[in-house]
Amino acid sequence: MIDDFLAGDLTDIEAAVRAAAAAEIMPRHRQLAEDEIVEKNGPHDLVTVADRRAEEHLTASLGRLLPGSVVVGEEAVHADPKVYEALGGDAPVWIVDPVDGTRQFVRGETGFCTLVALAHRGEVVASWTYAPALDQMAVAVRGRGAHVDGTAIHAGSPAPDAVLRVAMSHPDYTSDEQKRALLGLRADGFAARPCGSAGLEYLAVARGESEAVAFNWEYAWDHAAGLLLVTEAGGTQSTLSGEPFRIAGGNALPFTAARDRATADRVLAALRTGA
């Protein structure tokens, strides 16, 4: 079922992502009223009417494109945590983050994106990362490489003595224990900074514009699309235990996605020092 679907024309999925952003996100960019912004779990965890409406739009359109599939969306899981369990099932799963980088969206900035990934039995097989304010679409399909607006991208490798540019979990989202683990990246040889939109940070690694990311939360909607994008661009990913990141959870954190194996190993070594 999945192989046949992936062998077909996938442009309808790209069109669905663009349509959701055009209908529900961009008309509200820099136009949000105060009552359209809500705190979920605190002042740093926001949701807007654009998040909710875009997820509803995508849930309907993606379900039509692949009958028998289910959708695991960030806002649906917030309403009913049991929805997340579909990641461990046999049905194809669309993993959706309608607005990744909600804080940037709320501030009227352009650094946000819509993330969609298709997974089957725990494996991500395709992903779409769309930055609507920039009209930039990144697509990755298992075994077919990664592309931005139709042009192939490659992560490449940094120079052996390069200072590694690493986007890491934002301090606002980390516990004291997690902060200690990330302190390993405050060492010589690293230029670490808090991340913005996770999806766009992954895209920067896939394009060789940043060396790595280091994150210590594991919600699939933040990572599934970007991890496939990086690996299909020739990069790699690993959790602190040395095992690949599992979208259904239970990972040894923090984890990294990097331009190449040597870079990932340097980042993991630094994280282990901090931990």
C-alpha atoms as a PDB file:
ATOM      1  CA  MET A   1       0.000   0.000   0.000  1.00  0.00           C
ATOM      2  CA  ILE A   2       2.651   2.511   1.040  1.00  0.00           C
ATOM      3  CA  ASP A   3       5.069   1.518  -1.718  1.00  0.00           C
ATOM      4  CA  ASP A   4       2.356   1.915  -4.343  1.00  0.00           C
ATOM      5  CA  PHE A   5       1.372   5.273  -2.911  1.00  0.00           C
ATOM      6  CA  LEU A   6       4.957   6.547  -2.888  1.00  0.00           C
ATOM      7  CA  ALA A   7       5.455   5.348  -6.450  1.00  0.00           C
ATOM      8  CA  GLY A   8       2.609   7.572  -7.594  1.00  0.00           C
ATOM      9  CA  ASP A   9       2.328  11.323  -8.078  1.00  0.00           C
ATOM     10  CA  LEU A  10       2.975  13.030  -4.745  1.00  0.00           C
ATOM     11  CA  THR A  11       2.383  16.566  -5.952  1.00  0.00           C
ATOM     12  CA  ASP A  12      -1.146  16.439  -4.523  1.00  0.00           C
ATOM     13  CA  ILE A  13       0.344  16.324  -1.039  1.00  0.00           C
ATOM     14  CA  GLU A  14       2.494  19.360  -1.690  1.00  0.00           C
ATOM     15  CA  ALA A  15      -0.589  21.127  -3.043  1.00  0.00           C
ATOM     16  CA  ALA A  16      -2.565  20.188   0.090  1.00  0.00           C
ATOM     17  CA  VAL A  17       0.132  21.640   2.354  1.00  0.00           C
ATOM     18  CA  ARG A  18       0.261  24.845   0.339  1.00  0.00           C
ATOM     19  CA  ALA A  19      -3.532  25.109   0.313  1.00  0.00           C
ATOM     20  CA  ALA A  20      -3.807  24.767   4.091  1.00  0.00           C
ATOM     21  CA  ALA A  21      -1.191  27.469   4.602  1.00  0.00           C
ATOM     22  CA  ALA A  22      -2.840  29.776   2.070  1.00  0.00           C
ATOM     23  CA  ALA A  23      -6.304  29.336   3.558  1.00  0.00           C
ATOM     24  CA  GLU A  24      -5.614  29.240   7.282  1.00  0.00           C
ATOM     25  CA  ILE A  25      -2.120  30.507   8.128  1.00  0.00           C
ATOM     26  CA  MET A  26      -1.013  33.348   5.911  1.00  0.00           C
ATOM     27  CA  PRO A  27      -4.263  35.369   6.130  1.00  0.00           C
ATOM     28  CA  ARG A  28      -3.613  35.505   9.904  1.00  0.00           C
ATOM     29  CA  HIS A  29       0.103  36.299   9.700  1.00  0.00           C
ATOM     30  CA  ARG A  30       0.583  39.653  11.443  1.00  0.00           C
ATOM     31  CA  GLN A  31      -3.207  39.850  11.764  1.00  0.00           C
ATOM     32  CA  LEU A  32      -3.827  37.843  14.961  1.00  0.00           C
ATOM     33  CA  ALA A  33      -6.127  39.270  17.600  1.00  0.00           C
ATOM     34  CA  GLU A  34      -5.282  38.734  21.276  1.00  0.00           C
ATOM     35  CA  ASP A  35      -8.159  36.303  21.733  1.00  0.00           C
ATOM     36  CA  GLU A  36      -6.768  34.164  18.879  1.00  0.00           C
ATOM     37  CA  ILE A  37      -3.625  33.308  20.873  1.00  0.00           C
ATOM     38  CA  VAL A  38      -3.848  30.837  23.774  1.00  0.00           C
ATOM     39  CA  GLU A  39      -1.302  29.411  26.218  1.00  0.00           C
ATOM     40  CA  LYS A  40      -1.354  25.607  26.310  1.00  0.00           C
ATOM     41  CA  ASN A  41       1.134  24.600  28.996  1.00  0.00           C
ATOM     42  CA  GLY A  42       2.611  27.973  29.891  1.00  0.00           C
ATOM     43  CA  PRO A  43       3.706  31.306  28.399  1.00  0.00           C
ATOM     44  CA  HIS A  44       6.233  29.658  26.069  1.00  0.00           C
ATOM     45  CA  ASP A  45       3.794  27.100  24.668  1.00  0.00           C
ATOM     46  CA  LEU A  46       1.326  28.927  22.460  1.00  0.00           C
ATOM     47  CA  VAL A  47      -1.394  27.905  20.069  1.00  0.00           C
ATOM     48  CA  THR A  48      -3.337  30.134  17.713  1.00  0.00           C
ATOM     49  CA  VAL A  49      -6.473  29.861  15.650  1.00  0.00           C
ATOM     50  CA  ALA A  50      -4.171  29.368  12.644  1.00  0.00           C
ATOM     51  CA  ASP A  51      -2.654  26.233  14.217  1.00  0.00           C
ATOM     52  CA  ARG A  52      -6.052  24.704  14.860  1.00  0.00           C
ATOM     53  CA  ARG A  53      -7.650  25.591  11.538  1.00  0.00           C
ATOM     54  CA  ALA A  54      -4.625  24.527   9.485  1.00  0.00           C
ATOM     55  CA  GLU A  55      -4.492  21.168  11.245  1.00  0.00           C
ATOM     56  CA  GLU A  56      -8.205  20.607  10.606  1.00  0.00           C
ATOM     57  CA  HIS A  57      -7.674  21.510   6.940  1.00  0.00           C
ATOM     58  CA  LEU A  58      -4.747  19.097   6.600  1.00  0.00           C
ATOM     59  CA  THR A  59      -6.478  16.300   8.488  1.00  0.00           C
ATOM     60  CA  ALA A  60      -9.330  16.374   5.995  1.00  0.00           C
ATOM     61  CA  SER A  61      -7.243  16.726   2.836  1.00  0.00           C
ATOM     62  CA  LEU A  62      -4.520  14.206   3.710  1.00  0.00           C
ATOM     63  CA  GLY A  63      -7.051  11.605   4.759  1.00  0.00           C
ATOM     64  CA  ARG A  64      -8.715  11.870   1.362  1.00  0.00           C
ATOM     65  CA  LEU A  65      -5.395  11.458  -0.455  1.00  0.00           C
ATOM     66  CA  LEU A  66      -4.545   8.198   1.308  1.00  0.00           C
ATOM     67  CA  PRO A  67      -7.660   6.236   2.328  1.00  0.00           C
ATOM     68  CA  GLY A  68      -7.094   4.125   5.418  1.00  0.00           C
ATOM     69  CA  SER A  69      -4.482   6.490   6.830  1.00  0.00           C
ATOM     70  CA  VAL A  70      -4.753   8.324  10.132  1.00  0.00           C
ATOM     71  CA  VAL A  71      -3.514  11.736  11.242  1.00  0.00           C
ATOM     72  CA  VAL A  72      -1.480  12.488  14.343  1.00  0.00           C
ATOM     73  CA  GLY A  73      -1.507  16.252  14.715  1.00  0.00           C
ATOM     74  CA  GLU A  74      -0.066  18.352  17.505  1.00  0.00           C
ATOM     75  CA  GLU A  75      -3.366  19.975  18.392  1.00  0.00           C
ATOM     76  CA  ALA A  76      -5.357  16.736  18.184  1.00  0.00           C
ATOM     77  CA  VAL A  77      -2.929  15.077  20.598  1.00  0.00           C
ATOM     78  CA  HIS A  78      -3.177  18.050  22.960  1.00  0.00           C
ATOM     79  CA  ALA A  79      -6.944  17.500  23.029  1.00  0.00           C
ATOM     80  CA  ASP A  80      -6.685  13.697  23.299  1.00  0.00           C
ATOM     81  CA  PRO A  81      -3.261  12.183  24.126  1.00  0.00           C
ATOM     82  CA  LYS A  82      -4.442   8.727  22.998  1.00  0.00           C
ATOM     83  CA  VAL A  83      -4.255   9.929  19.384  1.00  0.00           C
ATOM     84  CA  TYR A  84      -0.463   9.620  19.665  1.00  0.00           C
ATOM     85  CA  GLU A  85      -0.752   5.845  19.993  1.00  0.00           C
ATOM     86  CA  ALA A  86      -1.463   5.591  16.254  1.00  0.00           C
ATOM     87  CA  LEU A  87       2.302   5.980  15.684  1.00  0.00           C
ATOM     88  CA  GLY A  88       2.709   2.410  16.917  1.00  0.00           C
ATOM     89  CA  GLY A  89      -0.087   0.956  14.773  1.00  0.00           C
ATOM     90  CA  ASP A  90      -0.203  -0.667  11.349  1.00  0.00           C
ATOM     91  CA  ALA A  91      -2.060   2.098   9.474  1.00  0.00           C
ATOM     92  CA  PRO A  92      -0.115   4.755   7.551  1.00  0.00           C
ATOM     93  CA  VAL A  93       0.186   7.879   9.693  1.00  0.00           C
ATOM     94  CA  TRP A  94       0.339  11.508   8.659  1.00  0.00           C
ATOM     95  CA  ILE A  95       2.297  13.415  11.312  1.00  0.00           C
ATOM     96  CA  VAL A  96       1.318  17.092  11.270  1.00  0.00           C
ATOM     97  CA  ASP A  97       2.639  20.232  12.904  1.00  0.00           C
ATOM     98  CA  PRO A  98       0.465  22.964  11.389  1.00  0.00           C
ATOM     99  CA  VAL A  99       2.623  25.882  12.566  1.00  0.00           C
ATOM    100  CA  ASP A 100       6.093  24.924  13.734  1.00  0.00           C
ATOM    101  CA  GLY A 101       7.564  28.048  15.296  1.00  0.00           C
ATOM    102  CA  THR A 102       4.332  29.439  16.731  1.00  0.00           C
ATOM    103  CA  ARG A 103       6.193  32.049  18.779  1.00  0.00           C
ATOM    104  CA  GLN A 104       7.808  33.406  15.619  1.00  0.00           C
ATOM    105  CA  PHE A 105       4.426  33.354  13.887  1.00  0.00           C
ATOM    106  CA  VAL A 106       2.803  35.248  16.765  1.00  0.00           C
ATOM    107  CA  ARG A 107       5.576  37.863  16.651  1.00  0.00           C
ATOM    108  CA  GLY A 108       4.941  38.417  12.954  1.00  0.00           C
ATOM    109  CA  GLU A 109       8.278  36.958  11.867  1.00  0.00           C
ATOM    110  CA  THR A 110       8.859  34.702   8.851  1.00  0.00           C
ATOM    111  CA  GLY A 111      10.713  31.856  10.607  1.00  0.00           C
ATOM    112  CA  PHE A 112       7.889  29.342  10.899  1.00  0.00           C
ATOM    113  CA  CYS A 113       6.779  26.416   8.788  1.00  0.00           C
ATOM    114  CA  THR A 114       4.216  23.679   8.302  1.00  0.00           C
ATOM    115  CA  LEU A 115       5.518  20.135   8.790  1.00  0.00           C
ATOM    116  CA  VAL A 116       3.955  16.990   7.358  1.00  0.00           C
ATOM    117  CA  ALA A 117       5.508  13.528   7.441  1.00  0.00           C
ATOM    118  CA  LEU A 118       4.153  10.181   6.316  1.00  0.00           C
ATOM    119  CA  ALA A 119       5.151   7.184   8.431  1.00  0.00           C
ATOM    120  CA  HIS A 120       4.367   3.486   8.347  1.00  0.00           C
ATOM    121  CA  ARG A 121       5.085   1.053  11.177  1.00  0.00           C
ATOM    122  CA  GLY A 122       7.461   3.477  12.832  1.00  0.00           C
ATOM    123  CA  GLU A 123       9.430   4.445   9.729  1.00  0.00           C
ATOM    124  CA  VAL A 124       9.171   7.892   8.153  1.00  0.00           C
ATOM    125  CA  VAL A 125       8.874   7.445   4.397  1.00  0.00           C
ATOM    126  CA  ALA A 126       8.199  10.972   3.119  1.00  0.00           C
ATOM    127  CA  SER A 127       8.115  14.532   4.428  1.00  0.00           C
ATOM    128  CA  TRP A 128       7.166  18.060   3.490  1.00  0.00           C
ATOM    129  CA  THR A 129       8.569  21.183   5.144  1.00  0.00           C
ATOM    130  CA  TYR A 130       6.854  24.339   3.914  1.00  0.00           C
ATOM    131  CA  ALA A 131       7.826  27.869   4.952  1.00  0.00           C
ATOM    132  CA  PRO A 132       4.793  29.806   3.669  1.00  0.00           C
ATOM    133  CA  ALA A 133       6.082  33.299   4.431  1.00  0.00           C
ATOM    134  CA  LEU A 134       9.121  32.468   2.269  1.00  0.00           C
ATOM    135  CA  ASP A 135       7.175  30.276  -0.198  1.00  0.00           C
ATOM    136  CA  GLN A 136       9.820  27.578   0.177  1.00  0.00           C
ATOM    137  CA  MET A 137       9.008  23.861   0.010  1.00  0.00           C
ATOM    138  CA  ALA A 138      11.402  21.082   1.039  1.00  0.00           C
ATOM    139  CA  VAL A 139      10.442  17.503   0.164  1.00  0.00           C
ATOM    140  CA  ALA A 140      12.122  14.228   1.079  1.00  0.00           C
ATOM    141  CA  VAL A 141      11.092  10.730   0.020  1.00  0.00           C
ATOM    142  CA  ARG A 142      12.772   7.605   1.337  1.00  0.00           C
ATOM    143  CA  GLY A 143      15.524   6.539  -1.040  1.00  0.00           C
ATOM    144  CA  ARG A 144      15.003   9.467  -3.421  1.00  0.00           C
ATOM    145  CA  GLY A 145      16.935  12.269  -1.784  1.00  0.00           C
ATOM    146  CA  ALA A 146      15.883  15.694  -0.560  1.00  0.00           C
ATOM    147  CA  HIS A 147      14.831  18.685  -2.632  1.00  0.00           C
ATOM    148  CA  VAL A 148      13.963  22.338  -2.087  1.00  0.00           C
ATOM    149  CA  ASP A 149      11.637  23.771  -4.686  1.00  0.00           C
ATOM    150  CA  GLY A 150      12.608  20.925  -6.998  1.00  0.00           C
ATOM    151  CA  THR A 151      16.391  21.298  -6.626  1.00  0.00           C
ATOM    152  CA  ALA A 152      18.365  18.543  -4.895  1.00  0.00           C
ATOM    153  CA  ILE A 153      20.114  19.524  -1.666  1.00  0.00           C
ATOM    154  CA  HIS A 154      23.096  17.899   0.023  1.00  0.00           C
ATOM    155  CA  ALA A 155      24.258  18.304   3.603  1.00  0.00           C
ATOM    156  CA  GLY A 156      27.930  17.745   2.794  1.00  0.00           C
ATOM    157  CA  SER A 157      30.618  17.825   5.476  1.00  0.00           C
ATOM    158  CA  PRO A 158      32.217  20.703   7.367  1.00  0.00           C
ATOM    159  CA  ALA A 159      35.961  21.256   7.289  1.00  0.00           C
ATOM    160  CA  PRO A 160      37.737  18.972   9.799  1.00  0.00           C
ATOM    161  CA  ASP A 161      38.725  21.906  12.033  1.00  0.00           C
ATOM    162  CA  ALA A 162      35.506  23.880  11.627  1.00  0.00           C
ATOM    163  CA  VAL A 163      33.659  25.341  14.585  1.00  0.00           C
ATOM    164  CA  LEU A 164      30.350  23.483  14.563  1.00  0.00           C
ATOM    165  CA  ARG A 165      27.201  25.577  14.334  1.00  0.00           C
ATOM    166  CA  VAL A 166      24.595  23.783  16.431  1.00  0.00           C
ATOM    167  CA  ALA A 167      20.991  24.762  17.114  1.00  0.00           C
ATOM    168  CA  MET A 168      19.892  23.295  20.435  1.00  0.00           C
ATOM    169  CA  SER A 169      16.764  23.127  22.554  1.00  0.00           C
ATOM    170  CA  HIS A 170      15.648  26.576  23.649  1.00  0.00           C
ATOM    171  CA  PRO A 171      16.280  27.231  27.378  1.00  0.00           C
ATOM    172  CA  ASP A 172      12.616  28.169  27.822  1.00  0.00           C
ATOM    173  CA  TYR A 173      11.701  24.555  27.075  1.00  0.00           C
ATOM    174  CA  THR A 174      14.339  22.733  29.133  1.00  0.00           C
ATOM    175  CA  SER A 175      14.568  21.514  32.712  1.00  0.00           C
ATOM    176  CA  ASP A 176      17.653  22.065  34.857  1.00  0.00           C
ATOM    177  CA  GLU A 177      18.808  18.508  34.116  1.00  0.00           C
ATOM    178  CA  GLN A 178      18.396  19.034  30.389  1.00  0.00           C
ATOM    179  CA  LYS A 179      20.276  22.321  30.555  1.00  0.00           C
ATOM    180  CA  ARG A 180      23.224  20.516  32.137  1.00  0.00           C
ATOM    181  CA  ALA A 181      23.363  18.016  29.281  1.00  0.00           C
ATOM    182  CA  LEU A 182      23.374  20.811  26.731  1.00  0.00           C
ATOM    183  CA  LEU A 183      26.176  22.619  28.549  1.00  0.00           C
ATOM    184  CA  GLY A 184      28.568  20.278  26.761  1.00  0.00           C
ATOM    185  CA  LEU A 185      27.912  22.299  23.606  1.00  0.00           C
ATOM    186  CA  ARG A 186      29.191  25.470  25.282  1.00  0.00           C
ATOM    187  CA  ALA A 187      32.744  24.216  24.777  1.00  0.00           C
ATOM    188  CA  ASP A 188      35.481  25.197  22.339  1.00  0.00           C
ATOM    189  CA  GLY A 189      34.774  23.966  18.844  1.00  0.00           C
ATOM    190  CA  PHE A 190      31.055  24.674  19.013  1.00  0.00           C
ATOM    191  CA  ALA A 191      28.949  27.717  18.214  1.00  0.00           C
ATOM    192  CA  ALA A 192      25.716  26.700  19.919  1.00  0.00           C
ATOM    193  CA  ARG A 193      22.559  28.782  20.030  1.00  0.00           C
ATOM    194  CA  PRO A 194      18.902  28.280  20.985  1.00  0.00           C
ATOM    195  CA  CYS A 195      16.803  26.920  18.160  1.00  0.00           C
ATOM    196  CA  GLY A 196      13.964  28.647  16.389  1.00  0.00           C
ATOM    197  CA  SER A 197      11.508  26.583  14.369  1.00  0.00           C
ATOM    198  CA  ALA A 198      12.743  22.991  14.616  1.00  0.00           C
ATOM    199  CA  GLY A 199      11.640  22.277  11.057  1.00  0.00           C
ATOM    200  CA  LEU A 200      13.688  25.154   9.656  1.00  0.00           C
ATOM    201  CA  GLU A 201      16.692  24.176  11.790  1.00  0.00           C
ATOM    202  CA  TYR A 202      16.603  20.706  10.236  1.00  0.00           C
ATOM    203  CA  LEU A 203      16.382  22.294   6.801  1.00  0.00           C
ATOM    204  CA  ALA A 204      19.493  24.372   7.535  1.00  0.00           C
ATOM    205  CA  VAL A 205      21.419  21.177   8.388  1.00  0.00           C
ATOM    206  CA  ALA A 206      20.158  19.433   5.239  1.00  0.00           C
ATOM    207  CA  ARG A 207      21.407  22.375   3.158  1.00  0.00           C
ATOM    208  CA  GLY A 208      24.790  22.559   4.898  1.00  0.00           C
ATOM    209  CA  GLU A 209      23.995  25.970   6.378  1.00  0.00           C
ATOM    210  CA  SER A 210      24.298  24.627   9.931  1.00  0.00           C
ATOM    211  CA  GLU A 211      26.210  21.611  11.175  1.00  0.00           C
ATOM    212  CA  ALA A 212      23.767  19.997  13.588  1.00  0.00           C
ATOM    213  CA  VAL A 213      20.796  20.213  15.896  1.00  0.00           C
ATOM    214  CA  ALA A 214      20.656  18.877  19.458  1.00  0.00           C
ATOM    215  CA  PHE A 215      17.230  18.420  20.991  1.00  0.00           C
ATOM    216  CA  ASN A 216      15.906  16.852  24.178  1.00  0.00           C
ATOM    217  CA  TRP A 217      12.215  16.514  23.486  1.00  0.00           C
ATOM    218  CA  GLU A 218      10.728  13.874  21.218  1.00  0.00           C
ATOM    219  CA  TYR A 219       7.297  14.894  19.931  1.00  0.00           C
ATOM    220  CA  ALA A 220       7.087  13.302  16.505  1.00  0.00           C
ATOM    221  CA  TRP A 221       5.486  16.298  14.807  1.00  0.00           C
ATOM    222  CA  ASP A 222       8.568  18.424  15.534  1.00  0.00           C
ATOM    223  CA  HIS A 223      11.116  15.884  14.295  1.00  0.00           C
ATOM    224  CA  ALA A 224       9.756  13.318  11.841  1.00  0.00           C
ATOM    225  CA  ALA A 225       9.841  15.536   8.754  1.00  0.00           C
ATOM    226  CA  GLY A 226      13.234  17.061   9.519  1.00  0.00           C
ATOM    227  CA  LEU A 227      14.990  13.824  10.375  1.00  0.00           C
ATOM    228  CA  LEU A 228      14.065  12.319   7.018  1.00  0.00           C
ATOM    229  CA  LEU A 229      15.057  15.541   5.260  1.00  0.00           C
ATOM    230  CA  VAL A 230      18.528  15.483   6.831  1.00  0.00           C
ATOM    231  CA  THR A 231      19.171  11.796   6.186  1.00  0.00           C
ATOM    232  CA  GLU A 232      17.964  11.963   2.589  1.00  0.00           C
ATOM    233  CA  ALA A 233      20.315  14.932   2.082  1.00  0.00           C
ATOM    234  CA  GLY A 234      23.183  12.665   3.129  1.00  0.00           C
ATOM    235  CA  GLY A 235      23.292  13.515   6.824  1.00  0.00           C
ATOM    236  CA  THR A 236      22.744  11.296   9.830  1.00  0.00           C
ATOM    237  CA  GLN A 237      20.979  11.183  13.177  1.00  0.00           C
ATOM    238  CA  SER A 238      21.446   9.452  16.529  1.00  0.00           C
ATOM    239  CA  THR A 239      20.212   9.477  20.100  1.00  0.00           C
ATOM    240  CA  LEU A 240      22.512   9.651  23.100  1.00  0.00           C
ATOM    241  CA  SER A 241      22.630   5.847  23.246  1.00  0.00           C
ATOM    242  CA  GLY A 242      23.879   5.650  19.666  1.00  0.00           C
ATOM    243  CA  GLU A 243      20.581   4.288  18.361  1.00  0.00           C
ATOM    244  CA  PRO A 244      18.400   5.960  15.716  1.00  0.00           C
ATOM    245  CA  PHE A 245      15.601   8.221  16.905  1.00  0.00           C
ATOM    246  CA  ARG A 246      12.250   6.411  17.160  1.00  0.00           C
ATOM    247  CA  ILE A 247       9.224   8.526  16.296  1.00  0.00           C
ATOM    248  CA  ALA A 248       6.970   6.582  18.677  1.00  0.00           C
ATOM    249  CA  GLY A 249       9.143   7.652  21.636  1.00  0.00           C
ATOM    250  CA  GLY A 250      11.264   6.012  24.304  1.00  0.00           C
ATOM    251  CA  ASN A 251      14.504   7.578  23.075  1.00  0.00           C
ATOM    252  CA  ALA A 252      17.699   8.201  25.033  1.00  0.00           C
ATOM    253  CA  LEU A 253      17.859  11.993  25.062  1.00  0.00           C
ATOM    254  CA  PRO A 254      19.292  14.363  23.953  1.00  0.00           C
ATOM    255  CA  PHE A 255      19.652  13.386  20.298  1.00  0.00           C
ATOM    256  CA  THR A 256      21.245  14.964  17.260  1.00  0.00           C
ATOM    257  CA  ALA A 257      20.874  15.243  13.508  1.00  0.00           C
ATOM    258  CA  ALA A 258      24.031  16.314  11.723  1.00  0.00           C
ATOM    259  CA  ARG A 259      25.613  16.847   8.322  1.00  0.00           C
ATOM    260  CA  ASP A 260      27.761  13.715   8.604  1.00  0.00           C
ATOM    261  CA  ARG A 261      28.746  10.924  10.990  1.00  0.00           C
ATOM    262  CA  ALA A 262      31.877  12.637  12.280  1.00  0.00           C
ATOM    263  CA  THR A 263      29.882  15.745  13.187  1.00  0.00           C
ATOM    264  CA  ALA A 264      27.215  13.677  14.928  1.00  0.00           C
ATOM    265  CA  ASP A 265      29.881  11.879  16.937  1.00  0.00           C
ATOM    266  CA  ARG A 266      31.403  15.191  18.070  1.00  0.00           C
ATOM    267  CA  VAL A 267      28.012  16.489  19.157  1.00  0.00           C
ATOM    268  CA  LEU A 268      27.115  13.282  20.994  1.00  0.00           C
ATOM    269  CA  ALA A 269      30.448  13.280  22.800  1.00  0.00           C
ATOM    270  CA  ALA A 270      29.822  16.850  23.960  1.00  0.00           C
ATOM    271  CA  LEU A 271      26.310  15.972  25.124  1.00  0.00           C
ATOM    272  CA  ARG A 272      27.589  12.985  27.081  1.00  0.00           C
ATOM    273  CA  THR A 273      30.145  15.241  28.770  1.00  0.00           C
ATOM    274  CA  GLY A 274      27.406  17.642  29.778  1.00  0.00           C
ATOM    275  CA  ALA A 275      25.106  14.863  30.981  1.00  0.00           C
END
